[in-house]
Amino acid sequence: MRAVAIAEDRTLQPTTLEERALGPAEARVAVAFCGICGSDLHLRHSPAVAAGSVMGHEFSGRISELGEAVEGFSVGDRVAVYPFASCGECPNCLRGDFHVCANAAVTGLGLGMNPGGYAESVVVEASMLVPLPDELSLEHGALVEPLAVGLHAIDLGEAQAGDACVVIGAGPIGVVTALGLRARGIDRVVVVEKNDLRQERMRDLGFEAVGLDDVHMRVIEALGGELPDVVFECAGNPAAPQLATELVRSKGVIVLLGVLEEPVEISQLVLIVKEAQMRAAFAYTRKDFDDAVQLLAAGIVPADSLITGTAPLERAQEMFDRLESPATRDVKILLTPGD
């Protein structure tokens, strides 16, 4: 089958892979669309992901083959894929925290251990299959995973209707977090973004967007003289957690979504004086995934506004370059093995 893998020089190159046989509790999914995630942009350069790896964990498709023990699904079913399977045995799983399974890296798709969705098909455990309703296209089904990330963070932040919220960073995760807040009935949302093009994009989506100049005063003015109840750090910039600490109100909540490998500086004194809480959001639960399916199927989240490009697998490197450009206006680019 056709696929795109990381080459020795860390570029993305078309390749051909053999399809492996299914286990009894597995399914083969013919990939329709696979989104390029910000983590994919990062992992392409990381030595943690070996050359030859096939990335991609935001994908939808149709079941093309089922293992003999799989029940509840049929060949031809349209699905999104929850891209890891919980072991059910580690301490986290035994507490019911399946989404932070200690063994998730072993089953995770597109992260170096197992091939992901930058391919014509992917073998997945049956527990990863998430049915798509007829109202939700396969193209929009590829947005379920990133939207679930934002919804999970919103739940962790306990943001509610009437709250004032700030989203720092208008990359793909910042965009879906802002849209998720609106979908949950939270209208007082300000987006902080240093890139003028991304600010403009957020205004096109109906959000108040400000840059970093006089950011503290501009946020307060945009929120009618108040500081935000919840701040979502989606920038993945070393300065962003401290900015979130400065912006959040006393007794407010900061949710960290941006991924940084290096340590960052945060004023512990400011956190203590405010009695603010800082929480970290990792991935999503199955409920978050299901909620994302429902919001997209109902048209509450404007999927067409999120998908800013679609390209064949063979143009993966070109699309990565496009997303990494400071001048990009893209939110989500989907790769497809189809014509």
C-alpha atoms as a PDB file:
ATOM      1  CA  MET A   1       0.000   0.000   0.000  1.00  0.00           C
ATOM      2  CA  ARG A   2       1.017   3.639  -0.472  1.00  0.00           C
ATOM      3  CA  ALA A   3       2.186   5.592   2.551  1.00  0.00           C
ATOM      4  CA  VAL A   4       4.360   8.536   3.554  1.00  0.00           C
ATOM      5  CA  ALA A   5       7.226   7.928   5.979  1.00  0.00           C
ATOM      6  CA  ILE A   6       9.956   9.966   7.668  1.00  0.00           C
ATOM      7  CA  ALA A   7      13.174   9.598   5.676  1.00  0.00           C
ATOM      8  CA  GLU A   8      16.708   9.580   7.102  1.00  0.00           C
ATOM      9  CA  ASP A   9      17.010  13.309   6.350  1.00  0.00           C
ATOM     10  CA  ARG A  10      13.701  13.846   8.266  1.00  0.00           C
ATOM     11  CA  THR A  11      11.748  14.795   5.172  1.00  0.00           C
ATOM     12  CA  LEU A  12       8.476  13.053   4.364  1.00  0.00           C
ATOM     13  CA  GLN A  13       8.800  10.685   1.438  1.00  0.00           C
ATOM     14  CA  PRO A  14       6.307   8.432  -0.373  1.00  0.00           C
ATOM     15  CA  THR A  15       6.901   4.739   0.238  1.00  0.00           C
ATOM     16  CA  THR A  16       5.235   1.369  -0.227  1.00  0.00           C
ATOM     17  CA  LEU A  17       4.418  -0.880   2.729  1.00  0.00           C
ATOM     18  CA  GLU A  18       3.044  -4.385   2.990  1.00  0.00           C
ATOM     19  CA  GLU A  19      -0.320  -4.691   4.695  1.00  0.00           C
ATOM     20  CA  ARG A  20      -0.023  -6.906   7.741  1.00  0.00           C
ATOM     21  CA  ALA A  21      -2.500  -9.600   8.690  1.00  0.00           C
ATOM     22  CA  LEU A  22      -5.249  -8.790  11.176  1.00  0.00           C
ATOM     23  CA  GLY A  23      -5.448 -10.122  14.691  1.00  0.00           C
ATOM     24  CA  PRO A  24      -8.841 -11.443  15.836  1.00  0.00           C
ATOM     25  CA  ALA A  25      -9.727  -8.209  17.694  1.00  0.00           C
ATOM     26  CA  GLU A  26      -8.464  -5.815  15.015  1.00  0.00           C
ATOM     27  CA  ALA A  27      -9.887  -3.977  12.030  1.00  0.00           C
ATOM     28  CA  ARG A  28      -8.375  -2.557   8.868  1.00  0.00           C
ATOM     29  CA  VAL A  29      -9.494   0.981   8.092  1.00  0.00           C
ATOM     30  CA  ALA A  30      -9.171   2.378   4.577  1.00  0.00           C
ATOM     31  CA  VAL A  31      -8.104   5.948   5.287  1.00  0.00           C
ATOM     32  CA  ALA A  32     -10.222   8.685   3.720  1.00  0.00           C
ATOM     33  CA  PHE A  33      -8.655  11.795   5.297  1.00  0.00           C
ATOM     34  CA  CYS A  34      -5.900  12.369   7.843  1.00  0.00           C
ATOM     35  CA  GLY A  35      -5.221  15.744   9.424  1.00  0.00           C
ATOM     36  CA  ILE A  36      -1.745  17.174   9.938  1.00  0.00           C
ATOM     37  CA  CYS A  37      -1.389  17.864  13.654  1.00  0.00           C
ATOM     38  CA  GLY A  38       0.946  20.365  15.285  1.00  0.00           C
ATOM     39  CA  SER A  39       2.536  17.444  17.110  1.00  0.00           C
ATOM     40  CA  ASP A  40       3.295  15.864  13.724  1.00  0.00           C
ATOM     41  CA  LEU A  41       5.172  19.020  12.722  1.00  0.00           C
ATOM     42  CA  HIS A  42       7.218  18.681  15.892  1.00  0.00           C
ATOM     43  CA  LEU A  43       7.728  14.913  15.835  1.00  0.00           C
ATOM     44  CA  ARG A  44       9.029  14.919  12.271  1.00  0.00           C
ATOM     45  CA  HIS A  45      12.188  16.560  13.578  1.00  0.00           C
ATOM     46  CA  SER A  46      12.392  14.590  16.824  1.00  0.00           C
ATOM     47  CA  PRO A  47      14.828  11.675  17.248  1.00  0.00           C
ATOM     48  CA  ALA A  48      12.158  10.069  19.417  1.00  0.00           C
ATOM     49  CA  VAL A  49      10.399   9.053  16.177  1.00  0.00           C
ATOM     50  CA  ALA A  50      12.594   6.793  14.086  1.00  0.00           C
ATOM     51  CA  ALA A  51      13.204   7.166  10.369  1.00  0.00           C
ATOM     52  CA  GLY A  52      10.752   4.984   8.502  1.00  0.00           C
ATOM     53  CA  SER A  53       7.856   5.844  10.818  1.00  0.00           C
ATOM     54  CA  VAL A  54       4.435   6.627   9.372  1.00  0.00           C
ATOM     55  CA  MET A  55       2.753   9.438  11.299  1.00  0.00           C
ATOM     56  CA  GLY A  56      -0.874  10.607  11.430  1.00  0.00           C
ATOM     57  CA  HIS A  57      -3.430  10.174  14.213  1.00  0.00           C
ATOM     58  CA  GLU A  58      -6.337  12.431  13.151  1.00  0.00           C
ATOM     59  CA  PHE A  59      -8.119  10.291  10.593  1.00  0.00           C
ATOM     60  CA  SER A  60     -11.379   8.918   9.298  1.00  0.00           C
ATOM     61  CA  GLY A  61     -12.194   6.155   6.854  1.00  0.00           C
ATOM     62  CA  ARG A  62     -14.159   3.008   6.127  1.00  0.00           C
ATOM     63  CA  ILE A  63     -13.670  -0.423   7.609  1.00  0.00           C
ATOM     64  CA  SER A  64     -12.288  -2.664   4.879  1.00  0.00           C
ATOM     65  CA  GLU A  65     -11.631  -5.831   6.912  1.00  0.00           C
ATOM     66  CA  LEU A  66     -12.584  -7.156  10.341  1.00  0.00           C
ATOM     67  CA  GLY A  67     -10.950  -9.673  12.657  1.00  0.00           C
ATOM     68  CA  GLU A  68     -13.049 -12.678  13.534  1.00  0.00           C
ATOM     69  CA  ALA A  69     -13.668 -11.556  17.128  1.00  0.00           C
ATOM     70  CA  VAL A  70     -14.846  -8.025  16.327  1.00  0.00           C
ATOM     71  CA  GLU A  71     -18.528  -7.379  17.024  1.00  0.00           C
ATOM     72  CA  GLY A  72     -20.785  -4.399  16.442  1.00  0.00           C
ATOM     73  CA  PHE A  73     -19.138  -3.262  13.195  1.00  0.00           C
ATOM     74  CA  SER A  74     -19.372  -4.276   9.553  1.00  0.00           C
ATOM     75  CA  VAL A  75     -17.153  -3.904   6.524  1.00  0.00           C
ATOM     76  CA  GLY A  76     -17.975  -0.562   4.905  1.00  0.00           C
ATOM     77  CA  ASP A  77     -18.831   1.231   8.142  1.00  0.00           C
ATOM     78  CA  ARG A  78     -17.656   4.832   8.309  1.00  0.00           C
ATOM     79  CA  VAL A  79     -15.487   5.558  11.337  1.00  0.00           C
ATOM     80  CA  ALA A  80     -13.162   7.962  13.058  1.00  0.00           C
ATOM     81  CA  VAL A  81     -10.328   6.410  15.042  1.00  0.00           C
ATOM     82  CA  TYR A  82      -9.507   6.968  18.712  1.00  0.00           C
ATOM     83  CA  PRO A  83      -5.762   6.643  18.190  1.00  0.00           C
ATOM     84  CA  PHE A  84      -4.695   4.544  21.171  1.00  0.00           C
ATOM     85  CA  ALA A  85      -6.060   1.641  23.185  1.00  0.00           C
ATOM     86  CA  SER A  86      -5.971   1.545  26.977  1.00  0.00           C
ATOM     87  CA  CYS A  87      -4.395  -1.489  28.626  1.00  0.00           C
ATOM     88  CA  GLY A  88      -6.984  -1.684  31.410  1.00  0.00           C
ATOM     89  CA  GLU A  89      -4.374  -2.928  33.870  1.00  0.00           C
ATOM     90  CA  CYS A  90      -2.037  -0.041  34.799  1.00  0.00           C
ATOM     91  CA  PRO A  91      -2.757   2.099  37.887  1.00  0.00           C
ATOM     92  CA  ASN A  92      -4.232   4.895  35.769  1.00  0.00           C
ATOM     93  CA  CYS A  93      -6.646   2.565  33.999  1.00  0.00           C
ATOM     94  CA  LEU A  94      -7.627   0.907  37.280  1.00  0.00           C
ATOM     95  CA  ARG A  95      -8.581   4.372  38.568  1.00  0.00           C
ATOM     96  CA  GLY A  96     -10.720   4.880  35.462  1.00  0.00           C
ATOM     97  CA  ASP A  97      -8.320   7.367  33.875  1.00  0.00           C
ATOM     98  CA  PHE A  98      -8.052   5.384  30.651  1.00  0.00           C
ATOM     99  CA  HIS A  99      -6.980   8.362  28.521  1.00  0.00           C
ATOM    100  CA  VAL A 100      -3.714   8.634  30.467  1.00  0.00           C
ATOM    101  CA  CYS A 101      -2.994   4.903  30.290  1.00  0.00           C
ATOM    102  CA  ALA A 102       0.666   4.314  31.189  1.00  0.00           C
ATOM    103  CA  ASN A 103       0.969   1.973  28.199  1.00  0.00           C
ATOM    104  CA  ALA A 104      -0.737   4.186  25.615  1.00  0.00           C
ATOM    105  CA  ALA A 105       2.533   4.771  23.757  1.00  0.00           C
ATOM    106  CA  VAL A 106       2.665   1.069  22.953  1.00  0.00           C
ATOM    107  CA  THR A 107      -0.725   1.113  21.215  1.00  0.00           C
ATOM    108  CA  GLY A 108      -0.684   4.718  19.950  1.00  0.00           C
ATOM    109  CA  LEU A 109      -0.921   5.274  16.209  1.00  0.00           C
ATOM    110  CA  GLY A 110       1.434   7.497  14.239  1.00  0.00           C
ATOM    111  CA  LEU A 111       3.789   8.258  17.122  1.00  0.00           C
ATOM    112  CA  GLY A 112       6.659   6.010  16.086  1.00  0.00           C
ATOM    113  CA  MET A 113       5.575   2.690  17.584  1.00  0.00           C
ATOM    114  CA  ASN A 114       2.734   1.846  15.187  1.00  0.00           C
ATOM    115  CA  PRO A 115       1.956   3.154  11.681  1.00  0.00           C
ATOM    116  CA  GLY A 116      -0.550   5.979  11.503  1.00  0.00           C
ATOM    117  CA  GLY A 117      -2.938   7.521   9.019  1.00  0.00           C
ATOM    118  CA  TYR A 118      -0.497   8.860   6.420  1.00  0.00           C
ATOM    119  CA  ALA A 119      -1.242   5.708   4.444  1.00  0.00           C
ATOM    120  CA  GLU A 120      -3.922   4.005   2.392  1.00  0.00           C
ATOM    121  CA  SER A 121      -4.959   1.850   5.347  1.00  0.00           C
ATOM    122  CA  VAL A 122      -4.258   1.352   9.040  1.00  0.00           C
ATOM    123  CA  VAL A 123      -4.728  -1.687  11.270  1.00  0.00           C
ATOM    124  CA  VAL A 124      -6.360  -0.673  14.573  1.00  0.00           C
ATOM    125  CA  GLU A 125      -7.705  -2.403  17.627  1.00  0.00           C
ATOM    126  CA  ALA A 126     -11.476  -2.680  17.494  1.00  0.00           C
ATOM    127  CA  SER A 127     -11.744  -0.587  20.671  1.00  0.00           C
ATOM    128  CA  MET A 128     -10.397   2.379  18.685  1.00  0.00           C
ATOM    129  CA  LEU A 129     -13.301   2.433  16.216  1.00  0.00           C
ATOM    130  CA  VAL A 130     -15.729   5.333  16.599  1.00  0.00           C
ATOM    131  CA  PRO A 131     -18.807   5.183  14.327  1.00  0.00           C
ATOM    132  CA  LEU A 132     -19.686   8.290  12.345  1.00  0.00           C
ATOM    133  CA  PRO A 133     -23.352   9.266  11.866  1.00  0.00           C
ATOM    134  CA  ASP A 134     -24.693   9.723   8.350  1.00  0.00           C
ATOM    135  CA  GLU A 135     -24.806  13.498   8.869  1.00  0.00           C
ATOM    136  CA  LEU A 136     -21.034  13.687   9.303  1.00  0.00           C
ATOM    137  CA  SER A 137     -18.863  13.455   6.194  1.00  0.00           C
ATOM    138  CA  LEU A 138     -15.603  11.544   6.199  1.00  0.00           C
ATOM    139  CA  GLU A 139     -13.785  14.816   5.553  1.00  0.00           C
ATOM    140  CA  HIS A 140     -15.298  16.418   8.639  1.00  0.00           C
ATOM    141  CA  GLY A 141     -14.784  13.162  10.539  1.00  0.00           C
ATOM    142  CA  ALA A 142     -11.036  13.811  10.439  1.00  0.00           C
ATOM    143  CA  LEU A 143     -11.661  16.811  12.724  1.00  0.00           C
ATOM    144  CA  VAL A 144     -13.077  14.730  15.571  1.00  0.00           C
ATOM    145  CA  GLU A 145      -9.682  14.130  17.187  1.00  0.00           C
ATOM    146  CA  PRO A 146      -8.458  17.756  17.345  1.00  0.00           C
ATOM    147  CA  LEU A 147     -11.859  19.041  18.466  1.00  0.00           C
ATOM    148  CA  ALA A 148     -11.850  16.448  21.263  1.00  0.00           C
ATOM    149  CA  VAL A 149      -8.570  17.949  22.499  1.00  0.00           C
ATOM    150  CA  GLY A 150     -10.212  21.349  22.930  1.00  0.00           C
ATOM    151  CA  LEU A 151     -13.353  19.931  24.539  1.00  0.00           C
ATOM    152  CA  HIS A 152     -11.286  17.986  27.067  1.00  0.00           C
ATOM    153  CA  ALA A 153      -9.437  21.148  28.072  1.00  0.00           C
ATOM    154  CA  ILE A 154     -12.714  23.048  28.441  1.00  0.00           C
ATOM    155  CA  ASP A 155     -14.013  20.384  30.805  1.00  0.00           C
ATOM    156  CA  LEU A 156     -10.787  20.450  32.818  1.00  0.00           C
ATOM    157  CA  GLY A 157     -11.044  24.216  33.107  1.00  0.00           C
ATOM    158  CA  GLU A 158     -14.661  23.903  34.265  1.00  0.00           C
ATOM    159  CA  ALA A 159     -15.574  26.777  31.970  1.00  0.00           C
ATOM    160  CA  GLN A 160     -19.277  27.557  32.019  1.00  0.00           C
ATOM    161  CA  ALA A 161     -21.701  29.868  30.253  1.00  0.00           C
ATOM    162  CA  GLY A 162     -21.147  33.409  31.471  1.00  0.00           C
ATOM    163  CA  ASP A 163     -17.451  32.900  32.180  1.00  0.00           C
ATOM    164  CA  ALA A 164     -14.832  35.131  30.622  1.00  0.00           C
ATOM    165  CA  CYS A 165     -12.166  33.085  28.836  1.00  0.00           C
ATOM    166  CA  VAL A 166      -8.883  33.765  27.089  1.00  0.00           C
ATOM    167  CA  VAL A 167      -7.245  31.473  24.566  1.00  0.00           C
ATOM    168  CA  ILE A 168      -3.521  32.079  24.067  1.00  0.00           C
ATOM    169  CA  GLY A 169      -2.421  30.965  20.618  1.00  0.00           C
ATOM    170  CA  ALA A 170      -4.485  30.695  17.434  1.00  0.00           C
ATOM    171  CA  GLY A 171      -2.942  27.586  15.945  1.00  0.00           C
ATOM    172  CA  PRO A 172      -5.226  24.611  15.235  1.00  0.00           C
ATOM    173  CA  ILE A 173      -5.710  23.683  18.906  1.00  0.00           C
ATOM    174  CA  GLY A 174      -6.340  27.288  19.900  1.00  0.00           C
ATOM    175  CA  VAL A 175      -8.938  27.577  17.143  1.00  0.00           C
ATOM    176  CA  VAL A 176     -10.829  24.412  18.130  1.00  0.00           C
ATOM    177  CA  THR A 177     -10.679  25.397  21.805  1.00  0.00           C
ATOM    178  CA  ALA A 178     -12.238  28.777  21.028  1.00  0.00           C
ATOM    179  CA  LEU A 179     -14.891  27.147  18.848  1.00  0.00           C
ATOM    180  CA  GLY A 180     -15.518  24.524  21.519  1.00  0.00           C
ATOM    181  CA  LEU A 181     -16.107  27.249  24.086  1.00  0.00           C
ATOM    182  CA  ARG A 182     -18.640  28.894  21.798  1.00  0.00           C
ATOM    183  CA  ALA A 183     -20.311  25.541  21.152  1.00  0.00           C
ATOM    184  CA  ARG A 184     -20.654  25.095  24.919  1.00  0.00           C
ATOM    185  CA  GLY A 185     -22.460  28.439  25.202  1.00  0.00           C
ATOM    186  CA  ILE A 186     -19.459  30.494  26.342  1.00  0.00           C
ATOM    187  CA  ASP A 187     -19.460  33.703  24.315  1.00  0.00           C
ATOM    188  CA  ARG A 188     -16.997  35.919  26.209  1.00  0.00           C
ATOM    189  CA  VAL A 189     -13.822  34.661  24.549  1.00  0.00           C
ATOM    190  CA  VAL A 190     -10.710  36.676  23.695  1.00  0.00           C
ATOM    191  CA  VAL A 191      -7.890  35.158  21.651  1.00  0.00           C
ATOM    192  CA  VAL A 192      -4.313  36.333  22.185  1.00  0.00           C
ATOM    193  CA  GLU A 193      -2.130  35.751  19.117  1.00  0.00           C
ATOM    194  CA  LYS A 194       1.103  37.438  18.040  1.00  0.00           C
ATOM    195  CA  ASN A 195       0.673  36.619  14.338  1.00  0.00           C
ATOM    196  CA  ASP A 196      -1.410  39.259  12.515  1.00  0.00           C
ATOM    197  CA  LEU A 197      -2.680  36.767   9.930  1.00  0.00           C
ATOM    198  CA  ARG A 198      -3.921  34.404  12.619  1.00  0.00           C
ATOM    199  CA  GLN A 199      -5.563  37.303  14.452  1.00  0.00           C
ATOM    200  CA  GLU A 200      -7.431  38.158  11.279  1.00  0.00           C
ATOM    201  CA  ARG A 201      -8.501  34.547  10.876  1.00  0.00           C
ATOM    202  CA  MET A 202      -9.980  34.507  14.383  1.00  0.00           C
ATOM    203  CA  ARG A 203     -11.858  37.729  13.712  1.00  0.00           C
ATOM    204  CA  ASP A 204     -13.274  36.128  10.566  1.00  0.00           C
ATOM    205  CA  LEU A 205     -14.589  33.367  12.842  1.00  0.00           C
ATOM    206  CA  GLY A 206     -16.261  35.990  15.014  1.00  0.00           C
ATOM    207  CA  PHE A 207     -13.813  36.215  17.932  1.00  0.00           C
ATOM    208  CA  GLU A 208     -12.146  39.185  19.556  1.00  0.00           C
ATOM    209  CA  ALA A 209      -8.409  38.813  18.854  1.00  0.00           C
ATOM    210  CA  VAL A 210      -5.525  40.881  20.239  1.00  0.00           C
ATOM    211  CA  GLY A 211      -1.766  40.883  19.805  1.00  0.00           C
ATOM    212  CA  LEU A 212       0.967  41.021  22.437  1.00  0.00           C
ATOM    213  CA  ASP A 213       1.334  44.806  22.515  1.00  0.00           C
ATOM    214  CA  ASP A 214      -0.347  46.103  25.702  1.00  0.00           C
ATOM    215  CA  VAL A 215      -1.891  42.657  25.955  1.00  0.00           C
ATOM    216  CA  HIS A 216      -2.932  42.947  29.601  1.00  0.00           C
ATOM    217  CA  MET A 217      -4.925  46.147  29.096  1.00  0.00           C
ATOM    218  CA  ARG A 218      -6.378  44.975  25.780  1.00  0.00           C
ATOM    219  CA  VAL A 219      -7.669  41.750  27.309  1.00  0.00           C
ATOM    220  CA  ILE A 220      -9.217  43.617  30.238  1.00  0.00           C
ATOM    221  CA  GLU A 221     -10.878  46.092  27.880  1.00  0.00           C
ATOM    222  CA  ALA A 222     -12.189  43.318  25.639  1.00  0.00           C
ATOM    223  CA  LEU A 223     -13.724  41.597  28.680  1.00  0.00           C
ATOM    224  CA  GLY A 224     -15.442  44.737  29.921  1.00  0.00           C
ATOM    225  CA  GLY A 225     -12.946  45.536  32.666  1.00  0.00           C
ATOM    226  CA  GLU A 226     -12.581  42.000  34.024  1.00  0.00           C
ATOM    227  CA  LEU A 227      -9.801  39.443  34.118  1.00  0.00           C
ATOM    228  CA  PRO A 228     -10.602  36.017  32.654  1.00  0.00           C
ATOM    229  CA  ASP A 229     -12.023  33.193  34.746  1.00  0.00           C
ATOM    230  CA  VAL A 230     -10.211  30.586  32.641  1.00  0.00           C
ATOM    231  CA  VAL A 231      -7.122  30.909  30.445  1.00  0.00           C
ATOM    232  CA  PHE A 232      -6.251  28.211  27.903  1.00  0.00           C
ATOM    233  CA  GLU A 233      -2.564  28.159  26.942  1.00  0.00           C
ATOM    234  CA  CYS A 234      -2.472  26.727  23.422  1.00  0.00           C
ATOM    235  CA  ALA A 235       0.612  28.453  22.038  1.00  0.00           C
ATOM    236  CA  GLY A 236       3.341  26.060  23.101  1.00  0.00           C
ATOM    237  CA  ASN A 237       5.599  29.093  23.538  1.00  0.00           C
ATOM    238  CA  PRO A 238       7.921  29.276  26.587  1.00  0.00           C
ATOM    239  CA  ALA A 239       6.527  32.694  27.531  1.00  0.00           C
ATOM    240  CA  ALA A 240       2.865  31.681  27.293  1.00  0.00           C
ATOM    241  CA  PRO A 241       2.401  29.944  30.689  1.00  0.00           C
ATOM    242  CA  GLN A 242       3.689  33.034  32.500  1.00  0.00           C
ATOM    243  CA  LEU A 243       1.400  35.265  30.437  1.00  0.00           C
ATOM    244  CA  ALA A 244      -1.506  33.010  31.389  1.00  0.00           C
ATOM    245  CA  THR A 245      -0.505  33.355  35.048  1.00  0.00           C
ATOM    246  CA  GLU A 246      -0.512  37.139  34.763  1.00  0.00           C
ATOM    247  CA  LEU A 247      -3.851  37.300  32.945  1.00  0.00           C
ATOM    248  CA  VAL A 248      -6.020  34.919  34.975  1.00  0.00           C
ATOM    249  CA  ARG A 249      -8.185  36.368  37.745  1.00  0.00           C
ATOM    250  CA  SER A 250      -7.756  35.501  41.418  1.00  0.00           C
ATOM    251  CA  LYS A 251      -9.123  31.989  42.071  1.00  0.00           C
ATOM    252  CA  GLY A 252      -9.185  31.434  38.307  1.00  0.00           C
ATOM    253  CA  VAL A 253      -7.978  28.428  36.333  1.00  0.00           C
ATOM    254  CA  ILE A 254      -5.197  28.025  33.779  1.00  0.00           C
ATOM    255  CA  VAL A 255      -5.282  25.022  31.448  1.00  0.00           C
ATOM    256  CA  LEU A 256      -2.054  24.099  29.664  1.00  0.00           C
ATOM    257  CA  LEU A 257      -2.431  22.509  26.213  1.00  0.00           C
ATOM    258  CA  GLY A 258       0.722  23.786  24.514  1.00  0.00           C
ATOM    259  CA  VAL A 259       3.480  21.174  24.353  1.00  0.00           C
ATOM    260  CA  LEU A 260       7.003  22.202  25.292  1.00  0.00           C
ATOM    261  CA  GLU A 261       9.906  19.865  26.000  1.00  0.00           C
ATOM    262  CA  GLU A 262      12.052  22.439  27.769  1.00  0.00           C
ATOM    263  CA  PRO A 263      11.298  23.832  31.265  1.00  0.00           C
ATOM    264  CA  VAL A 264       9.519  27.181  31.463  1.00  0.00           C
ATOM    265  CA  GLU A 265       9.593  29.989  34.037  1.00  0.00           C
ATOM    266  CA  ILE A 266       6.396  30.703  35.949  1.00  0.00           C
ATOM    267  CA  SER A 267       5.996  33.140  38.835  1.00  0.00           C
ATOM    268  CA  GLN A 268       4.998  30.963  41.749  1.00  0.00           C
ATOM    269  CA  LEU A 269       4.400  34.106  43.810  1.00  0.00           C
ATOM    270  CA  VAL A 270       1.760  35.378  41.383  1.00  0.00           C
ATOM    271  CA  LEU A 271       0.002  32.000  41.409  1.00  0.00           C
ATOM    272  CA  ILE A 272       0.037  31.905  45.213  1.00  0.00           C
ATOM    273  CA  VAL A 273      -1.175  35.472  45.689  1.00  0.00           C
ATOM    274  CA  LYS A 274      -4.011  34.844  43.254  1.00  0.00           C
ATOM    275  CA  GLU A 275      -4.727  31.325  44.554  1.00  0.00           C
ATOM    276  CA  ALA A 276      -5.052  30.441  40.893  1.00  0.00           C
ATOM    277  CA  GLN A 277      -4.997  26.844  39.723  1.00  0.00           C
ATOM    278  CA  MET A 278      -2.859  25.502  36.889  1.00  0.00           C
ATOM    279  CA  ARG A 279      -4.022  22.294  35.219  1.00  0.00           C
ATOM    280  CA  ALA A 280      -2.604  20.278  32.350  1.00  0.00           C
ATOM    281  CA  ALA A 281      -4.691  18.746  29.557  1.00  0.00           C
ATOM    282  CA  PHE A 282      -3.530  15.627  27.787  1.00  0.00           C
ATOM    283  CA  ALA A 283      -5.467  14.102  24.882  1.00  0.00           C
ATOM    284  CA  TYR A 284      -9.141  13.339  25.582  1.00  0.00           C
ATOM    285  CA  THR A 285     -11.582  10.802  26.931  1.00  0.00           C
ATOM    286  CA  ARG A 286     -13.976   8.704  24.875  1.00  0.00           C
ATOM    287  CA  LYS A 287     -16.765  11.044  26.009  1.00  0.00           C
ATOM    288  CA  ASP A 288     -14.822  13.991  24.558  1.00  0.00           C
ATOM    289  CA  PHE A 289     -14.540  12.069  21.293  1.00  0.00           C
ATOM    290  CA  ASP A 290     -18.265  11.313  21.266  1.00  0.00           C
ATOM    291  CA  ASP A 291     -19.100  14.940  22.067  1.00  0.00           C
ATOM    292  CA  ALA A 292     -16.899  16.091  19.182  1.00  0.00           C
ATOM    293  CA  VAL A 293     -18.741  13.754  16.805  1.00  0.00           C
ATOM    294  CA  GLN A 294     -22.096  15.162  17.906  1.00  0.00           C
ATOM    295  CA  LEU A 295     -21.046  18.819  17.630  1.00  0.00           C
ATOM    296  CA  LEU A 296     -19.594  18.314  14.159  1.00  0.00           C
ATOM    297  CA  ALA A 297     -22.568  16.261  12.962  1.00  0.00           C
ATOM    298  CA  ALA A 298     -24.976  18.947  14.168  1.00  0.00           C
ATOM    299  CA  GLY A 299     -23.020  21.680  12.386  1.00  0.00           C
ATOM    300  CA  ILE A 300     -22.497  23.561  15.655  1.00  0.00           C
ATOM    301  CA  VAL A 301     -18.752  23.702  14.955  1.00  0.00           C
ATOM    302  CA  PRO A 302     -18.077  25.155  11.474  1.00  0.00           C
ATOM    303  CA  ALA A 303     -15.989  22.338  10.023  1.00  0.00           C
ATOM    304  CA  ASP A 304     -15.613  23.897   6.580  1.00  0.00           C
ATOM    305  CA  SER A 305     -13.971  26.944   8.159  1.00  0.00           C
ATOM    306  CA  LEU A 306     -11.367  24.729   9.815  1.00  0.00           C
ATOM    307  CA  ILE A 307     -10.305  22.764   6.745  1.00  0.00           C
ATOM    308  CA  THR A 308      -8.141  25.123   4.737  1.00  0.00           C
ATOM    309  CA  GLY A 309      -6.500  22.603   2.433  1.00  0.00           C
ATOM    310  CA  THR A 310      -6.643  19.024   1.163  1.00  0.00           C
ATOM    311  CA  ALA A 311      -3.780  17.311  -0.635  1.00  0.00           C
ATOM    312  CA  PRO A 312      -2.732  13.821  -1.748  1.00  0.00           C
ATOM    313  CA  LEU A 313      -0.327  11.850   0.426  1.00  0.00           C
ATOM    314  CA  GLU A 314       2.523  12.434  -1.966  1.00  0.00           C
ATOM    315  CA  ARG A 315       2.423  16.175  -1.251  1.00  0.00           C
ATOM    316  CA  ALA A 316       2.863  15.717   2.508  1.00  0.00           C
ATOM    317  CA  GLN A 317       6.235  17.467   2.682  1.00  0.00           C
ATOM    318  CA  GLU A 318       4.887  20.433   0.751  1.00  0.00           C
ATOM    319  CA  MET A 319       1.949  20.696   3.146  1.00  0.00           C
ATOM    320  CA  PHE A 320       4.253  20.493   6.178  1.00  0.00           C
ATOM    321  CA  ASP A 321       6.352  23.321   4.743  1.00  0.00           C
ATOM    322  CA  ARG A 322       3.191  25.347   4.176  1.00  0.00           C
ATOM    323  CA  LEU A 323       2.031  24.877   7.766  1.00  0.00           C
ATOM    324  CA  GLU A 324       5.446  25.728   9.202  1.00  0.00           C
ATOM    325  CA  SER A 325       5.632  29.009   7.294  1.00  0.00           C
ATOM    326  CA  PRO A 326       5.168  32.137   9.471  1.00  0.00           C
ATOM    327  CA  ALA A 327       2.917  33.479   6.716  1.00  0.00           C
ATOM    328  CA  THR A 328       0.494  30.544   6.820  1.00  0.00           C
ATOM    329  CA  ARG A 329      -3.236  31.227   7.045  1.00  0.00           C
ATOM    330  CA  ASP A 330      -4.031  27.549   7.357  1.00  0.00           C
ATOM    331  CA  VAL A 331      -5.856  25.918  10.255  1.00  0.00           C
ATOM    332  CA  LYS A 332      -6.132  22.276   9.253  1.00  0.00           C
ATOM    333  CA  ILE A 333      -4.746  20.569   6.162  1.00  0.00           C
ATOM    334  CA  LEU A 334      -5.946  17.055   5.397  1.00  0.00           C
ATOM    335  CA  LEU A 335      -3.980  14.431   3.524  1.00  0.00           C
ATOM    336  CA  THR A 336      -5.863  11.878   1.484  1.00  0.00           C
ATOM    337  CA  PRO A 337      -4.741   8.724  -0.323  1.00  0.00           C
ATOM    338  CA  GLY A 338      -7.619   9.182  -2.763  1.00  0.00           C
ATOM    339  CA  ASP A 339      -7.543  11.010  -6.078  1.00  0.00           C
END
